[in-house]
PDB file of N, CA and C in Angstrom:
ATOM      1  N   UNK A   1      93.513 309.043  38.134  1.00  0.00           N
ATOM      2  CA  UNK A   1      93.327 310.390  38.948  1.00  0.00           C
ATOM      3  C   UNK A   1      92.645 310.055  40.346  1.00  0.00           C
ATOM      4  N   UNK A   2      93.065 310.639  41.604  1.00  0.00           N
ATOM      5  CA  UNK A   2      92.095 310.425  42.975  1.00  0.00           C
ATOM      6  C   UNK A   2      90.946 312.113  42.405  1.00  0.00           C
ATOM      7  N   UNK A   3      89.853 311.423  42.047  1.00  0.00           N
ATOM      8  CA  UNK A   3      88.949 312.366  42.322  1.00  0.00           C
ATOM      9  C   UNK A   3      88.565 313.468  43.237  1.00  0.00           C
ATOM     10  N   UNK A   4      88.911 312.892  45.008  1.00  0.00           N
ATOM     11  CA  UNK A   4      88.723 313.915  45.848  1.00  0.00           C
ATOM     12  C   UNK A   4      90.086 315.081  45.089  1.00  0.00           C
ATOM     13  N   UNK A   5      91.146 314.742  44.801  1.00  0.00           N
ATOM     14  CA  UNK A   5      92.058 315.709  44.863  1.00  0.00           C
ATOM     15  C   UNK A   5      91.896 316.352  43.721  1.00  0.00           C
ATOM     16  N   UNK A   6      91.278 316.209  42.672  1.00  0.00           N
ATOM     17  CA  UNK A   6      90.744 316.715  41.227  1.00  0.00           C
ATOM     18  C   UNK A   6      89.628 317.485  41.859  1.00  0.00           C
ATOM     19  N   UNK A   7      88.538 317.094  42.953  1.00  0.00           N
ATOM     20  CA  UNK A   7      87.619 318.027  42.980  1.00  0.00           C
ATOM     21  C   UNK A   7      88.047 319.466  43.648  1.00  0.00           C
ATOM     22  N   UNK A   8      88.879 319.190  44.852  1.00  0.00           N
ATOM     23  CA  UNK A   8      89.812 319.761  45.732  1.00  0.00           C
ATOM     24  C   UNK A   8      90.391 321.243  44.740  1.00  0.00           C
ATOM     25  N   UNK A   9      91.071 320.848  44.065  1.00  0.00           N
ATOM     26  CA  UNK A   9      91.938 321.398  43.401  1.00  0.00           C
ATOM     27  C   UNK A   9      91.445 322.130  42.311  1.00  0.00           C
ATOM     28  N   UNK A  10      90.145 321.914  41.889  1.00  0.00           N
ATOM     29  CA  UNK A  10      89.282 322.566  41.067  1.00  0.00           C
ATOM     30  C   UNK A  10      88.974 324.212  41.892  1.00  0.00           C
ATOM     31  N   UNK A  11      88.311 323.700  42.916  1.00  0.00           N
ATOM     32  CA  UNK A  11      87.514 324.452  43.648  1.00  0.00           C
ATOM     33  C   UNK A  11      88.882 325.374  44.263  1.00  0.00           C
ATOM     34  N   UNK A  12      89.972 324.941  44.375  1.00  0.00           N
ATOM     35  CA  UNK A  12      90.998 325.958  44.755  1.00  0.00           C
ATOM     36  C   UNK A  12      91.316 326.859  43.877  1.00  0.00           C
ATOM     37  N   UNK A  13      91.367 326.238  42.376  1.00  0.00           N
ATOM     38  CA  UNK A  13      92.002 327.140  41.175  1.00  0.00           C
ATOM     39  C   UNK A  13      91.104 328.216  41.286  1.00  0.00           C
ATOM     40  N   UNK A  14      89.992 327.811  41.462  1.00  0.00           N
ATOM     41  CA  UNK A  14      89.106 328.854  40.940  1.00  0.00           C
ATOM     42  C   UNK A  14      88.595 329.866  42.146  1.00  0.00           C
ATOM     43  N   UNK A  15      88.665 329.796  43.127  1.00  0.00           N
ATOM     44  CA  UNK A  15      89.192 330.338  44.486  1.00  0.00           C
ATOM     45  C   UNK A  15      89.718 331.292  44.397  1.00  0.00           C
ATOM     46  N   UNK A  16      91.429 330.772  43.932  1.00  0.00           N
ATOM     47  CA  UNK A  16      92.642 331.265  44.041  1.00  0.00           C
ATOM     48  C   UNK A  16      93.014 332.586  42.824  1.00  0.00           C
ATOM     49  N   UNK A  17      93.042 331.745  41.599  1.00  0.00           N
ATOM     50  CA  UNK A  17      93.300 332.482  40.317  1.00  0.00           C
ATOM     51  C   UNK A  17      92.570 332.114  39.866  1.00  0.00           C
ATOM     52  N   UNK A  18      91.050 332.479  39.839  1.00  0.00           N
ATOM     53  CA  UNK A  18      89.787 333.050  39.162  1.00  0.00           C
ATOM     54  C   UNK A  18      90.135 332.976  37.572  1.00  0.00           C
ATOM     55  N   UNK A  19      90.236 331.703  37.213  1.00  0.00           N
ATOM     56  CA  UNK A  19      90.096 331.778  35.572  1.00  0.00           C
ATOM     57  C   UNK A  19      89.256 331.846  34.779  1.00  0.00           C
ATOM     58  N   UNK A  20      89.516 332.559  33.450  1.00  0.00           N
ATOM     59  CA  UNK A  20      88.264 332.996  33.231  1.00  0.00           C
ATOM     60  C   UNK A  20      87.304 331.810  32.383  1.00  0.00           C
ATOM     61  N   UNK A  21      88.555 330.566  31.797  1.00  0.00           N
ATOM     62  CA  UNK A  21      87.904 329.532  31.002  1.00  0.00           C
ATOM     63  C   UNK A  21      88.341 328.187  31.413  1.00  0.00           C
ATOM     64  N   UNK A  22      88.012 327.512  30.566  1.00  0.00           N
ATOM     65  CA  UNK A  22      88.712 326.340  31.118  1.00  0.00           C
ATOM     66  C   UNK A  22      89.980 325.763  30.664  1.00  0.00           C
ATOM     67  N   UNK A  23      90.426 326.655  29.353  1.00  0.00           N
ATOM     68  CA  UNK A  23      92.075 326.440  29.296  1.00  0.00           C
ATOM     69  C   UNK A  23      92.436 326.978  30.536  1.00  0.00           C
ATOM     70  N   UNK A  24      92.323 328.328  30.674  1.00  0.00           N
ATOM     71  CA  UNK A  24      92.668 329.241  32.111  1.00  0.00           C
ATOM     72  C   UNK A  24      93.105 328.007  33.257  1.00  0.00           C
ATOM     73  N   UNK A  25      91.897 327.442  33.453  1.00  0.00           N
ATOM     74  CA  UNK A  25      91.534 326.225  34.712  1.00  0.00           C
ATOM     75  C   UNK A  25      93.083 325.115  34.335  1.00  0.00           C
ATOM     76  N   UNK A  26      92.960 324.373  33.103  1.00  0.00           N
ATOM     77  CA  UNK A  26      94.126 323.623  32.731  1.00  0.00           C
ATOM     78  C   UNK A  26      95.583 324.126  32.574  1.00  0.00           C
ATOM     79  N   UNK A  27      95.502 325.239  32.748  1.00  0.00           N
ATOM     80  CA  UNK A  27      97.028 325.742  32.689  1.00  0.00           C
ATOM     81  C   UNK A  27      97.351 326.023  34.329  1.00  0.00           C
ATOM     82  N   UNK A  28      96.233 326.509  34.659  1.00  0.00           N
ATOM     83  CA  UNK A  28      96.620 326.552  36.700  1.00  0.00           C
ATOM     84  C   UNK A  28      96.844 325.421  36.910  1.00  0.00           C
ATOM     85  N   UNK A  29      96.251 323.822  36.477  1.00  0.00           N
ATOM     86  CA  UNK A  29      96.203 322.933  37.219  1.00  0.00           C
ATOM     87  C   UNK A  29      97.682 322.070  36.940  1.00  0.00           C
ATOM     88  N   UNK A  30      98.317 322.807  36.220  1.00  0.00           N
ATOM     89  CA  UNK A  30      99.535 322.179  35.888  1.00  0.00           C
ATOM     90  C   UNK A  30     100.641 322.636  36.630  1.00  0.00           C
ATOM     91  N   UNK A  31     100.395 323.654  37.874  1.00  0.00           N
ATOM     92  CA  UNK A  31     101.088 323.417  38.849  1.00  0.00           C
ATOM     93  C   UNK A  31     101.045 322.176  39.998  1.00  0.00           C
ATOM     94  N   UNK A  32     100.207 321.867  39.929  1.00  0.00           N
ATOM     95  CA  UNK A  32      99.566 321.061  40.833  1.00  0.00           C
ATOM     96  C   UNK A  32     100.140 319.528  40.636  1.00  0.00           C
ATOM     97  N   UNK A  33     100.903 319.017  41.910  1.00  0.00           N
ATOM     98  CA  UNK A  33     101.371 317.573  41.988  1.00  0.00           C
ATOM     99  C   UNK A  33     100.530 316.484  41.368  1.00  0.00           C
ATOM    100  N   UNK A  34      99.564 316.458  41.416  1.00  0.00           N
ATOM    101  CA  UNK A  34      98.474 315.518  40.795  1.00  0.00           C
ATOM    102  C   UNK A  34      98.500 315.646  39.337  1.00  0.00           C
ATOM    103  N   UNK A  35      98.177 316.638  39.230  1.00  0.00           N
ATOM    104  CA  UNK A  35      98.764 317.083  37.667  1.00  0.00           C
ATOM    105  C   UNK A  35      99.981 316.688  36.927  1.00  0.00           C
ATOM    106  N   UNK A  36     100.840 316.953  37.611  1.00  0.00           N
ATOM    107  CA  UNK A  36     101.911 316.237  36.952  1.00  0.00           C
ATOM    108  C   UNK A  36     102.667 315.486  36.923  1.00  0.00           C
ATOM    109  N   UNK A  37     102.150 314.634  37.985  1.00  0.00           N
ATOM    110  CA  UNK A  37     102.194 312.918  38.219  1.00  0.00           C
ATOM    111  C   UNK A  37     101.621 312.470  36.937  1.00  0.00           C
ATOM    112  N   UNK A  38      99.789 312.710  36.783  1.00  0.00           N
ATOM    113  CA  UNK A  38      99.543 311.764  35.313  1.00  0.00           C
ATOM    114  C   UNK A  38     100.014 312.129  34.115  1.00  0.00           C
ATOM    115  N   UNK A  39     100.389 313.450  34.141  1.00  0.00           N
ATOM    116  CA  UNK A  39     101.221 313.929  32.974  1.00  0.00           C
ATOM    117  C   UNK A  39     102.426 313.189  32.309  1.00  0.00           C
ATOM    118  N   UNK A  40     103.214 312.685  33.612  1.00  0.00           N
ATOM    119  CA  UNK A  40     104.408 311.845  33.614  1.00  0.00           C
ATOM    120  C   UNK A  40     104.217 310.818  33.239  1.00  0.00           C
ATOM    121  N   UNK A  41     103.040 309.934  34.047  1.00  0.00           N
ATOM    122  CA  UNK A  41     102.023 308.937  33.160  1.00  0.00           C
ATOM    123  C   UNK A  41     102.437 308.361  31.742  1.00  0.00           C
ATOM    124  N   UNK A  42     101.897 307.282  31.865  1.00  0.00           N
ATOM    125  CA  UNK A  42     101.590 306.864  30.189  1.00  0.00           C
ATOM    126  C   UNK A  42     100.505 307.149  30.171  1.00  0.00           C
ATOM    127  N   UNK A  43      99.477 307.553  30.567  1.00  0.00           N
ATOM    128  CA  UNK A  43      97.793 307.897  30.002  1.00  0.00           C
ATOM    129  C   UNK A  43      97.639 308.972  29.253  1.00  0.00           C
ATOM    130  N   UNK A  44      96.900 309.007  28.121  1.00  0.00           N
ATOM    131  CA  UNK A  44      96.827 310.297  27.138  1.00  0.00           C
ATOM    132  C   UNK A  44      96.487 311.095  28.074  1.00  0.00           C
ATOM    133  N   UNK A  45      97.036 312.449  27.957  1.00  0.00           N
ATOM    134  CA  UNK A  45      96.707 313.447  28.540  1.00  0.00           C
ATOM    135  C   UNK A  45      94.954 314.082  28.212  1.00  0.00           C
ATOM    136  N   UNK A  46      94.631 313.690  26.994  1.00  0.00           N
ATOM    137  CA  UNK A  46      92.984 313.737  26.548  1.00  0.00           C
ATOM    138  C   UNK A  46      92.104 313.197  27.900  1.00  0.00           C
ATOM    139  N   UNK A  47      92.514 312.290  28.516  1.00  0.00           N
ATOM    140  CA  UNK A  47      92.384 311.763  29.646  1.00  0.00           C
ATOM    141  C   UNK A  47      91.782 312.605  30.545  1.00  0.00           C
ATOM    142  N   UNK A  48      93.142 313.036  31.117  1.00  0.00           N
ATOM    143  CA  UNK A  48      93.169 313.961  31.971  1.00  0.00           C
ATOM    144  C   UNK A  48      92.319 315.654  31.959  1.00  0.00           C
ATOM    145  N   UNK A  49      92.097 315.978  30.311  1.00  0.00           N
ATOM    146  CA  UNK A  49      91.184 317.417  29.859  1.00  0.00           C
ATOM    147  C   UNK A  49      89.933 316.722  30.186  1.00  0.00           C
ATOM    148  N   UNK A  50      89.519 315.566  29.526  1.00  0.00           N
ATOM    149  CA  UNK A  50      88.236 314.992  29.833  1.00  0.00           C
ATOM    150  C   UNK A  50      87.708 315.255  31.013  1.00  0.00           C
ATOM    151  N   UNK A  51      88.355 314.533  32.185  1.00  0.00           N
ATOM    152  CA  UNK A  51      88.260 314.498  33.398  1.00  0.00           C
ATOM    153  C   UNK A  51      87.684 315.433  34.201  1.00  0.00           C
ATOM    154  N   UNK A  52      88.763 316.819  33.737  1.00  0.00           N
ATOM    155  CA  UNK A  52      88.657 317.736  34.392  1.00  0.00           C
ATOM    156  C   UNK A  52      87.474 318.738  33.991  1.00  0.00           C
ATOM    157  N   UNK A  53      87.625 318.540  32.945  1.00  0.00           N
ATOM    158  CA  UNK A  53      86.309 319.401  32.190  1.00  0.00           C
ATOM    159  C   UNK A  53      84.753 318.777  33.023  1.00  0.00           C
ATOM    160  N   UNK A  54      84.555 317.569  32.576  1.00  0.00           N
ATOM    161  CA  UNK A  54      83.567 316.748  33.082  1.00  0.00           C
ATOM    162  C   UNK A  54      83.391 317.294  34.828  1.00  0.00           C
ATOM    163  N   UNK A  55      84.092 317.180  35.320  1.00  0.00           N
ATOM    164  CA  UNK A  55      84.116 317.346  37.127  1.00  0.00           C
ATOM    165  C   UNK A  55      83.849 319.010  37.252  1.00  0.00           C
ATOM    166  N   UNK A  56      84.270 319.265  36.403  1.00  0.00           N
ATOM    167  CA  UNK A  56      84.227 321.226  36.346  1.00  0.00           C
ATOM    168  C   UNK A  56      82.631 321.214  36.146  1.00  0.00           C
ATOM    169  N   UNK A  57      82.067 320.582  35.153  1.00  0.00           N
ATOM    170  CA  UNK A  57      80.667 320.566  34.517  1.00  0.00           C
ATOM    171  C   UNK A  57      79.937 320.159  35.778  1.00  0.00           C
ATOM    172  N   UNK A  58      79.863 319.087  36.459  1.00  0.00           N
ATOM    173  CA  UNK A  58      79.341 318.840  37.561  1.00  0.00           C
ATOM    174  C   UNK A  58      79.103 319.643  38.558  1.00  0.00           C
ATOM    175  N   UNK A  59      80.520 320.383  38.978  1.00  0.00           N
ATOM    176  CA  UNK A  59      80.288 321.597  40.040  1.00  0.00           C
ATOM    177  C   UNK A  59      79.747 322.523  39.814  1.00  0.00           C
ATOM    178  N   UNK A  60      79.367 322.989  38.156  1.00  0.00           N
ATOM    179  CA  UNK A  60      78.579 323.911  37.859  1.00  0.00           C
ATOM    180  C   UNK A  60      77.166 323.343  37.784  1.00  0.00           C
ATOM    181  N   UNK A  61      76.908 322.327  37.547  1.00  0.00           N
ATOM    182  CA  UNK A  61      75.404 321.910  37.839  1.00  0.00           C
ATOM    183  C   UNK A  61      74.918 321.624  39.132  1.00  0.00           C
ATOM    184  N   UNK A  62      76.049 321.719  40.332  1.00  0.00           N
ATOM    185  CA  UNK A  62      75.570 321.332  41.602  1.00  0.00           C
ATOM    186  C   UNK A  62      75.922 322.873  42.286  1.00  0.00           C
ATOM    187  N   UNK A  63      76.028 323.762  41.389  1.00  0.00           N
ATOM    188  CA  UNK A  63      75.767 324.985  41.693  1.00  0.00           C
ATOM    189  C   UNK A  63      76.814 325.339  42.699  1.00  0.00           C
ATOM    190  N   UNK A  64      78.002 324.920  42.563  1.00  0.00           N
ATOM    191  CA  UNK A  64      79.350 325.220  43.728  1.00  0.00           C
ATOM    192  C   UNK A  64      80.401 325.995  42.517  1.00  0.00           C
ATOM    193  N   UNK A  65      80.074 326.000  41.408  1.00  0.00           N
ATOM    194  CA  UNK A  65      80.944 326.956  40.138  1.00  0.00           C
ATOM    195  C   UNK A  65      80.117 327.798  39.647  1.00  0.00           C
ATOM    196  N   UNK A  66      79.744 329.203  39.126  1.00  0.00           N
ATOM    197  CA  UNK A  66      79.125 329.883  38.877  1.00  0.00           C
ATOM    198  C   UNK A  66      79.807 330.054  37.633  1.00  0.00           C
ATOM    199  N   UNK A  67      79.346 329.941  36.639  1.00  0.00           N
ATOM    200  CA  UNK A  67      79.738 329.815  34.943  1.00  0.00           C
ATOM    201  C   UNK A  67      78.749 330.039  33.907  1.00  0.00           C
ATOM    202  N   UNK A  68      79.078 330.096  32.806  1.00  0.00           N
ATOM    203  CA  UNK A  68      78.270 330.334  31.445  1.00  0.00           C
ATOM    204  C   UNK A  68      78.990 328.878  30.709  1.00  0.00           C
ATOM    205  N   UNK A  69      78.523 328.013  30.332  1.00  0.00           N
ATOM    206  CA  UNK A  69      78.723 326.872  29.359  1.00  0.00           C
ATOM    207  C   UNK A  69      77.546 326.965  27.877  1.00  0.00           C
ATOM    208  N   UNK A  70      78.252 326.667  27.205  1.00  0.00           N
ATOM    209  CA  UNK A  70      78.243 327.199  25.904  1.00  0.00           C
ATOM    210  C   UNK A  70      78.710 325.590  24.918  1.00  0.00           C
ATOM    211  N   UNK A  71      77.480 325.049  24.891  1.00  0.00           N
ATOM    212  CA  UNK A  71      77.779 323.585  24.078  1.00  0.00           C
ATOM    213  C   UNK A  71      77.572 324.000  22.291  1.00  0.00           C
ATOM    214  N   UNK A  72      78.726 323.572  21.858  1.00  0.00           N
ATOM    215  CA  UNK A  72      79.044 324.080  20.352  1.00  0.00           C
ATOM    216  C   UNK A  72      78.961 322.666  19.713  1.00  0.00           C
ATOM    217  N   UNK A  73      79.440 322.592  18.620  1.00  0.00           N
ATOM    218  CA  UNK A  73      78.975 321.208  17.405  1.00  0.00           C
ATOM    219  C   UNK A  73      80.464 320.202  18.068  1.00  0.00           C
ATOM    220  N   UNK A  74      81.736 320.827  18.343  1.00  0.00           N
ATOM    221  CA  UNK A  74      82.689 319.713  18.138  1.00  0.00           C
ATOM    222  C   UNK A  74      83.427 320.224  19.771  1.00  0.00           C
ATOM    223  N   UNK A  75      82.939 321.191  20.552  1.00  0.00           N
ATOM    224  CA  UNK A  75      83.313 321.585  21.928  1.00  0.00           C
ATOM    225  C   UNK A  75      82.592 322.337  22.571  1.00  0.00           C
ATOM    226  N   UNK A  76      82.953 322.379  24.092  1.00  0.00           N
ATOM    227  CA  UNK A  76      82.105 323.220  25.071  1.00  0.00           C
ATOM    228  C   UNK A  76      82.565 323.879  25.586  1.00  0.00           C
ATOM    229  N   UNK A  77      82.181 325.089  25.139  1.00  0.00           N
ATOM    230  CA  UNK A  77      83.130 326.675  26.043  1.00  0.00           C
ATOM    231  C   UNK A  77      82.584 326.625  27.395  1.00  0.00           C
ATOM    232  N   UNK A  78      83.617 326.745  28.416  1.00  0.00           N
ATOM    233  CA  UNK A  78      83.189 327.061  30.035  1.00  0.00           C
ATOM    234  C   UNK A  78      84.122 328.181  29.950  1.00  0.00           C
ATOM    235  N   UNK A  79      82.763 329.573  30.133  1.00  0.00           N
ATOM    236  CA  UNK A  79      83.382 330.765  30.960  1.00  0.00           C
ATOM    237  C   UNK A  79      83.031 330.906  32.233  1.00  0.00           C
ATOM    238  N   UNK A  80      84.168 330.995  33.747  1.00  0.00           N
ATOM    239  CA  UNK A  80      84.012 330.852  35.112  1.00  0.00           C
ATOM    240  C   UNK A  80      83.572 332.151  35.051  1.00  0.00           C
ATOM    241  N   UNK A  81      82.859 332.276  36.348  1.00  0.00           N
ATOM    242  CA  UNK A  81      82.413 333.607  36.941  1.00  0.00           C
ATOM    243  C   UNK A  81      82.925 333.374  38.237  1.00  0.00           C
ATOM    244  N   UNK A  82      83.677 332.447  38.961  1.00  0.00           N
ATOM    245  CA  UNK A  82      84.193 332.312  40.324  1.00  0.00           C
ATOM    246  C   UNK A  82      83.370 331.087  40.886  1.00  0.00           C
ATOM    247  N   UNK A  83      83.568 330.915  42.388  1.00  0.00           N
ATOM    248  CA  UNK A  83      83.069 329.764  43.058  1.00  0.00           C
ATOM    249  C   UNK A  83      81.502 330.551  43.754  1.00  0.00           C
ATOM    250  N   UNK A  84      80.678 329.832  43.772  1.00  0.00           N
ATOM    251  CA  UNK A  84      79.642 330.383  44.535  1.00  0.00           C
ATOM    252  C   UNK A  84      79.453 330.272  46.186  1.00  0.00           C
ATOM    253  N   UNK A  85      78.522 330.844  46.466  1.00  0.00           N
ATOM    254  CA  UNK A  85      78.943 331.108  48.115  1.00  0.00           C
ATOM    255  C   UNK A  85      78.784 329.561  49.115  1.00  0.00           C
ATOM    256  N   UNK A  86      78.096 328.295  48.125  1.00  0.00           N
ATOM    257  CA  UNK A  86      77.764 327.448  48.567  1.00  0.00           C
ATOM    258  C   UNK A  86      79.202 326.598  48.055  1.00  0.00           C
ATOM    259  N   UNK A  87      80.212 326.925  46.919  1.00  0.00           N
ATOM    260  CA  UNK A  87      81.180 326.693  46.454  1.00  0.00           C
ATOM    261  C   UNK A  87      82.709 326.757  47.620  1.00  0.00           C
ATOM    262  N   UNK A  88      82.405 328.126  48.068  1.00  0.00           N
ATOM    263  CA  UNK A  88      83.602 328.437  49.068  1.00  0.00           C
ATOM    264  C   UNK A  88      83.209 327.338  50.548  1.00  0.00           C
ATOM    265  N   UNK A  89      81.964 326.909  50.970  1.00  0.00           N
ATOM    266  CA  UNK A  89      81.723 326.084  51.670  1.00  0.00           C
ATOM    267  C   UNK A  89      82.278 324.933  51.792  1.00  0.00           C
ATOM    268  N   UNK A  90      81.896 324.320  50.626  1.00  0.00           N
ATOM    269  CA  UNK A  90      82.470 322.827  50.466  1.00  0.00           C
ATOM    270  C   UNK A  90      84.045 322.811  50.679  1.00  0.00           C
ATOM    271  N   UNK A  91      84.780 324.471  49.694  1.00  0.00           N
ATOM    272  CA  UNK A  91      86.257 324.376  49.748  1.00  0.00           C
ATOM    273  C   UNK A  91      86.838 323.966  51.404  1.00  0.00           C
ATOM    274  N   UNK A  92      86.175 325.293  51.605  1.00  0.00           N
ATOM    275  CA  UNK A  92      86.386 324.947  53.574  1.00  0.00           C
ATOM    276  C   UNK A  92      86.434 323.730  54.200  1.00  0.00           C
ATOM    277  N   UNK A  93      85.448 323.070  53.678  1.00  0.00           N
ATOM    278  CA  UNK A  93      85.220 321.704  54.624  1.00  0.00           C
ATOM    279  C   UNK A  93      86.590 320.889  54.048  1.00  0.00           C
ATOM    280  N   UNK A  94      86.552 320.880  52.663  1.00  0.00           N
ATOM    281  CA  UNK A  94      87.534 320.256  51.992  1.00  0.00           C
ATOM    282  C   UNK A  94      89.417 320.299  52.534  1.00  0.00           C
ATOM    283  N   UNK A  95      88.853 321.535  52.867  1.00  0.00           N
ATOM    284  CA  UNK A  95      91.125 321.977  53.752  1.00  0.00           C
ATOM    285  C   UNK A  95      90.726 321.080  54.946  1.00  0.00           C
ATOM    286  N   UNK A  96      89.514 320.832  55.603  1.00  0.00           N
ATOM    287  CA  UNK A  96      89.827 320.294  57.321  1.00  0.00           C
ATOM    288  C   UNK A  96      90.518 319.012  56.928  1.00  0.00           C
ATOM    289  N   UNK A  97      91.145 318.861  57.903  1.00  0.00           N
ATOM    290  CA  UNK A  97      92.248 317.629  58.203  1.00  0.00           C
ATOM    291  C   UNK A  97      91.377 316.483  57.948  1.00  0.00           C
ATOM    292  N   UNK A  98      90.255 315.976  58.784  1.00  0.00           N
ATOM    293  CA  UNK A  98      90.001 314.800  58.697  1.00  0.00           C
ATOM    294  C   UNK A  98      88.691 314.373  57.857  1.00  0.00           C
ATOM    295  N   UNK A  99      88.813 315.625  56.885  1.00  0.00           N
ATOM    296  CA  UNK A  99      87.490 315.271  56.009  1.00  0.00           C
ATOM    297  C   UNK A  99      87.444 314.174  54.811  1.00  0.00           C
ATOM    298  N   UNK A 100      88.682 313.795  54.236  1.00  0.00           N
ATOM    299  CA  UNK A 100      88.671 312.890  53.164  1.00  0.00           C
ATOM    300  C   UNK A 100      88.767 311.767  54.249  1.00  0.00           C
ATOM    301  N   UNK A 101      88.918 311.292  55.110  1.00  0.00           N
ATOM    302  CA  UNK A 101      88.506 310.511  55.964  1.00  0.00           C
ATOM    303  C   UNK A 101      87.390 309.858  56.025  1.00  0.00           C
ATOM    304  N   UNK A 102      87.003 310.941  56.456  1.00  0.00           N
ATOM    305  CA  UNK A 102      85.291 310.908  56.742  1.00  0.00           C
ATOM    306  C   UNK A 102      84.487 310.611  55.361  1.00  0.00           C
ATOM    307  N   UNK A 103      84.738 311.109  54.223  1.00  0.00           N
ATOM    308  CA  UNK A 103      84.174 311.132  53.189  1.00  0.00           C
ATOM    309  C   UNK A 103      84.531 309.772  52.469  1.00  0.00           C
ATOM    310  N   UNK A 104      85.377 309.036  53.052  1.00  0.00           N
ATOM    311  CA  UNK A 104      85.764 307.644  52.310  1.00  0.00           C
ATOM    312  C   UNK A 104      85.340 306.693  53.248  1.00  0.00           C
ATOM    313  N   UNK A 105      85.446 307.106  54.463  1.00  0.00           N
ATOM    314  CA  UNK A 105      84.461 306.082  55.754  1.00  0.00           C
ATOM    315  C   UNK A 105      83.174 305.843  55.092  1.00  0.00           C
ATOM    316  N   UNK A 106      82.043 307.436  54.768  1.00  0.00           N
ATOM    317  CA  UNK A 106      80.735 307.118  54.288  1.00  0.00           C
ATOM    318  C   UNK A 106      80.998 306.238  52.931  1.00  0.00           C
ATOM    319  N   UNK A 107      81.728 306.361  52.333  1.00  0.00           N
ATOM    320  CA  UNK A 107      81.638 305.989  50.778  1.00  0.00           C
ATOM    321  C   UNK A 107      81.541 304.266  51.148  1.00  0.00           C
ATOM    322  N   UNK A 108      82.552 304.165  51.887  1.00  0.00           N
ATOM    323  CA  UNK A 108      82.408 302.325  52.227  1.00  0.00           C
ATOM    324  C   UNK A 108      81.531 302.157  52.622  1.00  0.00           C
ATOM    325  N   UNK A 109      80.610 302.414  53.853  1.00  0.00           N
ATOM    326  CA  UNK A 109      79.493 302.280  54.518  1.00  0.00           C
ATOM    327  C   UNK A 109      78.162 301.835  53.555  1.00  0.00           C
ATOM    328  N   UNK A 110      78.338 303.201  52.611  1.00  0.00           N
ATOM    329  CA  UNK A 110      77.178 302.954  51.254  1.00  0.00           C
ATOM    330  C   UNK A 110      77.499 302.293  50.236  1.00  0.00           C
ATOM    331  N   UNK A 111      78.848 301.596  49.921  1.00  0.00           N
ATOM    332  CA  UNK A 111      79.078 300.842  49.082  1.00  0.00           C
ATOM    333  C   UNK A 111      79.114 301.807  47.558  1.00  0.00           C
ATOM    334  N   UNK A 112      79.258 303.212  48.044  1.00  0.00           N
ATOM    335  CA  UNK A 112      79.605 303.767  46.570  1.00  0.00           C
ATOM    336  C   UNK A 112      81.129 304.033  46.181  1.00  0.00           C
ATOM    337  N   UNK A 113      81.453 304.572  44.883  1.00  0.00           N
ATOM    338  CA  UNK A 113      82.732 305.198  44.728  1.00  0.00           C
ATOM    339  C   UNK A 113      82.776 306.080  44.512  1.00  0.00           C
ATOM    340  N   UNK A 114      84.038 307.102  44.613  1.00  0.00           N
ATOM    341  CA  UNK A 114      84.533 308.298  44.830  1.00  0.00           C
ATOM    342  C   UNK A 114      84.485 308.830  43.486  1.00  0.00           C
ATOM    343  N   UNK A 115      83.114 309.832  43.280  1.00  0.00           N
ATOM    344  CA  UNK A 115      82.662 310.748  42.313  1.00  0.00           C
ATOM    345  C   UNK A 115      82.250 311.919  42.721  1.00  0.00           C
ATOM    346  N   UNK A 116      82.301 312.994  41.437  1.00  0.00           N
ATOM    347  CA  UNK A 116      82.004 314.379  41.893  1.00  0.00           C
ATOM    348  C   UNK A 116      80.700 314.345  42.304  1.00  0.00           C
ATOM    349  N   UNK A 117      79.522 313.367  41.617  1.00  0.00           N
ATOM    350  CA  UNK A 117      78.333 313.614  42.438  1.00  0.00           C
ATOM    351  C   UNK A 117      78.302 312.944  44.028  1.00  0.00           C
ATOM    352  N   UNK A 118      78.730 311.977  44.121  1.00  0.00           N
ATOM    353  CA  UNK A 118      78.915 311.951  45.312  1.00  0.00           C
ATOM    354  C   UNK A 118      79.958 312.348  46.339  1.00  0.00           C
ATOM    355  N   UNK A 119      80.573 313.101  45.861  1.00  0.00           N
ATOM    356  CA  UNK A 119      81.412 314.046  46.699  1.00  0.00           C
ATOM    357  C   UNK A 119      80.487 314.806  47.157  1.00  0.00           C
ATOM    358  N   UNK A 120      79.813 315.796  46.273  1.00  0.00           N
ATOM    359  CA  UNK A 120      79.147 316.860  46.154  1.00  0.00           C
ATOM    360  C   UNK A 120      77.834 316.149  47.508  1.00  0.00           C
ATOM    361  N   UNK A 121      77.055 315.087  47.088  1.00  0.00           N
ATOM    362  CA  UNK A 121      76.090 314.470  48.050  1.00  0.00           C
ATOM    363  C   UNK A 121      76.585 314.578  49.711  1.00  0.00           C
ATOM    364  N   UNK A 122      78.248 313.758  50.021  1.00  0.00           N
ATOM    365  CA  UNK A 122      78.590 313.602  51.181  1.00  0.00           C
ATOM    366  C   UNK A 122      78.749 314.767  52.014  1.00  0.00           C
ATOM    367  N   UNK A 123      79.548 315.942  51.443  1.00  0.00           N
ATOM    368  CA  UNK A 123      79.810 317.328  51.553  1.00  0.00           C
ATOM    369  C   UNK A 123      78.725 317.823  51.747  1.00  0.00           C
ATOM    370  N   UNK A 124      77.802 317.851  51.542  1.00  0.00           N
ATOM    371  CA  UNK A 124      76.544 318.542  51.839  1.00  0.00           C
ATOM    372  C   UNK A 124      75.836 318.083  53.263  1.00  0.00           C
ATOM    373  N   UNK A 125      76.433 316.536  52.980  1.00  0.00           N
ATOM    374  CA  UNK A 125      75.739 315.713  54.761  1.00  0.00           C
ATOM    375  C   UNK A 125      76.604 316.296  55.262  1.00  0.00           C
ATOM    376  N   UNK A 126      78.100 316.578  55.184  1.00  0.00           N
ATOM    377  CA  UNK A 126      78.919 316.715  56.341  1.00  0.00           C
ATOM    378  C   UNK A 126      78.748 318.490  56.809  1.00  0.00           C
ATOM    379  N   UNK A 127      78.225 318.758  55.909  1.00  0.00           N
ATOM    380  CA  UNK A 127      78.600 320.773  56.174  1.00  0.00           C
ATOM    381  C   UNK A 127      76.926 320.925  56.488  1.00  0.00           C
ATOM    382  N   UNK A 128      75.846 320.427  56.524  1.00  0.00           N
ATOM    383  CA  UNK A 128      74.917 321.193  56.744  1.00  0.00           C
ATOM    384  C   UNK A 128      73.959 319.999  57.852  1.00  0.00           C
ATOM    385  N   UNK A 129      74.871 319.196  58.477  1.00  0.00           N
ATOM    386  CA  UNK A 129      74.259 317.909  59.336  1.00  0.00           C
ATOM    387  C   UNK A 129      74.605 318.448  60.393  1.00  0.00           C
TER     388      UNK A 129
END
């Protein structure tokens, strides 16, 4: 799955739909074409759930999403409070038409792959420089 589209999708869902927890985020994500395409593929859905959870946790750690994370023995509970001011700034930048091309260009120049951590770093450069 495309990390850029997933990153943007998670921010959009939290901004627009205000899901209360990870399950609500997963439920809302099923309305997006990238998730529909993934579910229709032969890949196990557990990979999709794991990827969305990991990306959401990265975004929480990067202060884009305000949430309470409660790791338990077999599962991690995530309760969302919404986007932070920084999260809204990142979402606004992601909605600009040329942002994806700028990010891909920087990734290629620096020899990095697209990931939540790299997206956050590059968006920070684009927004604050």
